[in-house]
Amino acid sequence: NRRRRGIGRAIMAFVERYCARRGIGAIELAVNKRNKDAIAFYRRMGFVRTASFIKDIGDGFVRDDYKMRKVLSR
């Protein structure tokens, strides 16, 4: 198990630095509503839920997700 080793936090820090260097003011993502661990992680990283959506992706499958967003400090 690779959880709780700081890898996700390190990746997020890298992405935030990358965005900041390019003048990107926010990060947006989608996460499955049932993925409680991921939702909790993104909240700890400063993301807030901005919307929910259901999208047909074909073959009887749907995305049932939350949109989450983090505004980056300047």
C-alpha atoms as a PDB file:
ATOM      1  CA  ASN A   1       0.000   0.000   0.000  1.00  0.00           C
ATOM      2  CA  ARG A   2       1.410   3.361  -1.079  1.00  0.00           C
ATOM      3  CA  ARG A   3      -0.920   5.554   0.972  1.00  0.00           C
ATOM      4  CA  ARG A   4       0.153   7.932   3.726  1.00  0.00           C
ATOM      5  CA  ARG A   5       3.684   8.330   2.375  1.00  0.00           C
ATOM      6  CA  GLY A   6       3.340  11.918   1.207  1.00  0.00           C
ATOM      7  CA  ILE A   7       3.417  11.088  -2.504  1.00  0.00           C
ATOM      8  CA  GLY A   8       0.060  12.752  -3.268  1.00  0.00           C
ATOM      9  CA  ARG A   9       1.016  15.828  -1.275  1.00  0.00           C
ATOM     10  CA  ALA A  10       4.326  16.064  -3.158  1.00  0.00           C
ATOM     11  CA  ILE A  11       2.557  15.743  -6.505  1.00  0.00           C
ATOM     12  CA  MET A  12       0.073  18.468  -5.561  1.00  0.00           C
ATOM     13  CA  ALA A  13       2.911  20.765  -4.463  1.00  0.00           C
ATOM     14  CA  PHE A  14       4.622  20.203  -7.828  1.00  0.00           C
ATOM     15  CA  VAL A  15       1.394  20.940  -9.752  1.00  0.00           C
ATOM     16  CA  GLU A  16       0.789  24.108  -7.717  1.00  0.00           C
ATOM     17  CA  ARG A  17       4.334  25.373  -8.382  1.00  0.00           C
ATOM     18  CA  TYR A  18       3.963  24.529 -12.076  1.00  0.00           C
ATOM     19  CA  CYS A  19       0.678  26.452 -12.285  1.00  0.00           C
ATOM     20  CA  ALA A  20       2.022  29.419 -10.312  1.00  0.00           C
ATOM     21  CA  ARG A  21       4.981  29.799 -12.690  1.00  0.00           C
ATOM     22  CA  ARG A  22       2.557  29.953 -15.598  1.00  0.00           C
ATOM     23  CA  GLY A  23       0.107  32.379 -14.013  1.00  0.00           C
ATOM     24  CA  ILE A  24      -2.647  29.795 -13.596  1.00  0.00           C
ATOM     25  CA  GLY A  25      -4.871  30.950 -10.752  1.00  0.00           C
ATOM     26  CA  ALA A  26      -6.804  27.780  -9.921  1.00  0.00           C
ATOM     27  CA  ILE A  27      -6.823  24.015 -10.278  1.00  0.00           C
ATOM     28  CA  GLU A  28     -10.053  22.211 -11.095  1.00  0.00           C
ATOM     29  CA  LEU A  29     -10.682  18.489 -11.071  1.00  0.00           C
ATOM     30  CA  ALA A  30     -13.434  15.887 -11.003  1.00  0.00           C
ATOM     31  CA  VAL A  31     -13.619  13.082  -8.451  1.00  0.00           C
ATOM     32  CA  ASN A  32     -16.077  10.219  -8.141  1.00  0.00           C
ATOM     33  CA  LYS A  33     -18.671  10.906  -5.456  1.00  0.00           C
ATOM     34  CA  ARG A  34     -18.027   7.503  -3.856  1.00  0.00           C
ATOM     35  CA  ASN A  35     -14.257   7.973  -3.614  1.00  0.00           C
ATOM     36  CA  LYS A  36     -14.339   9.237  -0.022  1.00  0.00           C
ATOM     37  CA  ASP A  37     -10.574   8.911   0.484  1.00  0.00           C
ATOM     38  CA  ALA A  38      -9.791  11.064  -2.568  1.00  0.00           C
ATOM     39  CA  ILE A  39     -12.403  13.649  -1.591  1.00  0.00           C
ATOM     40  CA  ALA A  40     -10.922  13.857   1.913  1.00  0.00           C
ATOM     41  CA  PHE A  41      -7.410  14.214   0.457  1.00  0.00           C
ATOM     42  CA  TYR A  42      -8.424  17.022  -1.898  1.00  0.00           C
ATOM     43  CA  ARG A  43     -10.191  18.833   0.932  1.00  0.00           C
ATOM     44  CA  ARG A  44      -7.033  18.614   3.057  1.00  0.00           C
ATOM     45  CA  MET A  45      -5.165  20.102   0.089  1.00  0.00           C
ATOM     46  CA  GLY A  46      -7.525  23.090   0.065  1.00  0.00           C
ATOM     47  CA  PHE A  47     -10.007  22.092  -2.650  1.00  0.00           C
ATOM     48  CA  VAL A  48     -13.698  22.895  -2.289  1.00  0.00           C
ATOM     49  CA  ARG A  49     -16.608  21.219  -3.999  1.00  0.00           C
ATOM     50  CA  THR A  50     -18.131  23.516  -6.608  1.00  0.00           C
ATOM     51  CA  ALA A  51     -20.637  21.269  -8.396  1.00  0.00           C
ATOM     52  CA  SER A  52     -21.800  17.736  -8.957  1.00  0.00           C
ATOM     53  CA  PHE A  53     -22.608  16.114 -12.281  1.00  0.00           C
ATOM     54  CA  ILE A  54     -23.650  12.887 -13.904  1.00  0.00           C
ATOM     55  CA  LYS A  55     -22.433  12.250 -17.443  1.00  0.00           C
ATOM     56  CA  ASP A  56     -23.141   9.288 -19.698  1.00  0.00           C
ATOM     57  CA  ILE A  57     -19.790   7.933 -20.901  1.00  0.00           C
ATOM     58  CA  GLY A  58     -21.218   5.118 -22.998  1.00  0.00           C
ATOM     59  CA  ASP A  59     -21.798   1.378 -22.784  1.00  0.00           C
ATOM     60  CA  GLY A  60     -24.142   1.851 -19.822  1.00  0.00           C
ATOM     61  CA  PHE A  61     -21.554   3.679 -17.699  1.00  0.00           C
ATOM     62  CA  VAL A  62     -21.895   7.122 -16.156  1.00  0.00           C
ATOM     63  CA  ARG A  63     -19.568   9.497 -14.372  1.00  0.00           C
ATOM     64  CA  ASP A  64     -21.145  10.487 -11.065  1.00  0.00           C
ATOM     65  CA  ASP A  65     -18.644  13.072  -9.898  1.00  0.00           C
ATOM     66  CA  TYR A  66     -18.027  16.194  -7.899  1.00  0.00           C
ATOM     67  CA  LYS A  67     -16.159  19.099  -9.433  1.00  0.00           C
ATOM     68  CA  MET A  68     -13.586  20.495  -7.024  1.00  0.00           C
ATOM     69  CA  ARG A  69     -11.510  23.660  -7.228  1.00  0.00           C
ATOM     70  CA  LYS A  70      -8.555  25.204  -5.468  1.00  0.00           C
ATOM     71  CA  VAL A  71      -7.673  28.859  -5.912  1.00  0.00           C
ATOM     72  CA  LEU A  72      -3.907  29.272  -5.846  1.00  0.00           C
ATOM     73  CA  SER A  73      -2.283  31.987  -3.788  1.00  0.00           C
ATOM     74  CA  ARG A  74      -0.184  34.498  -5.641  1.00  0.00           C
END
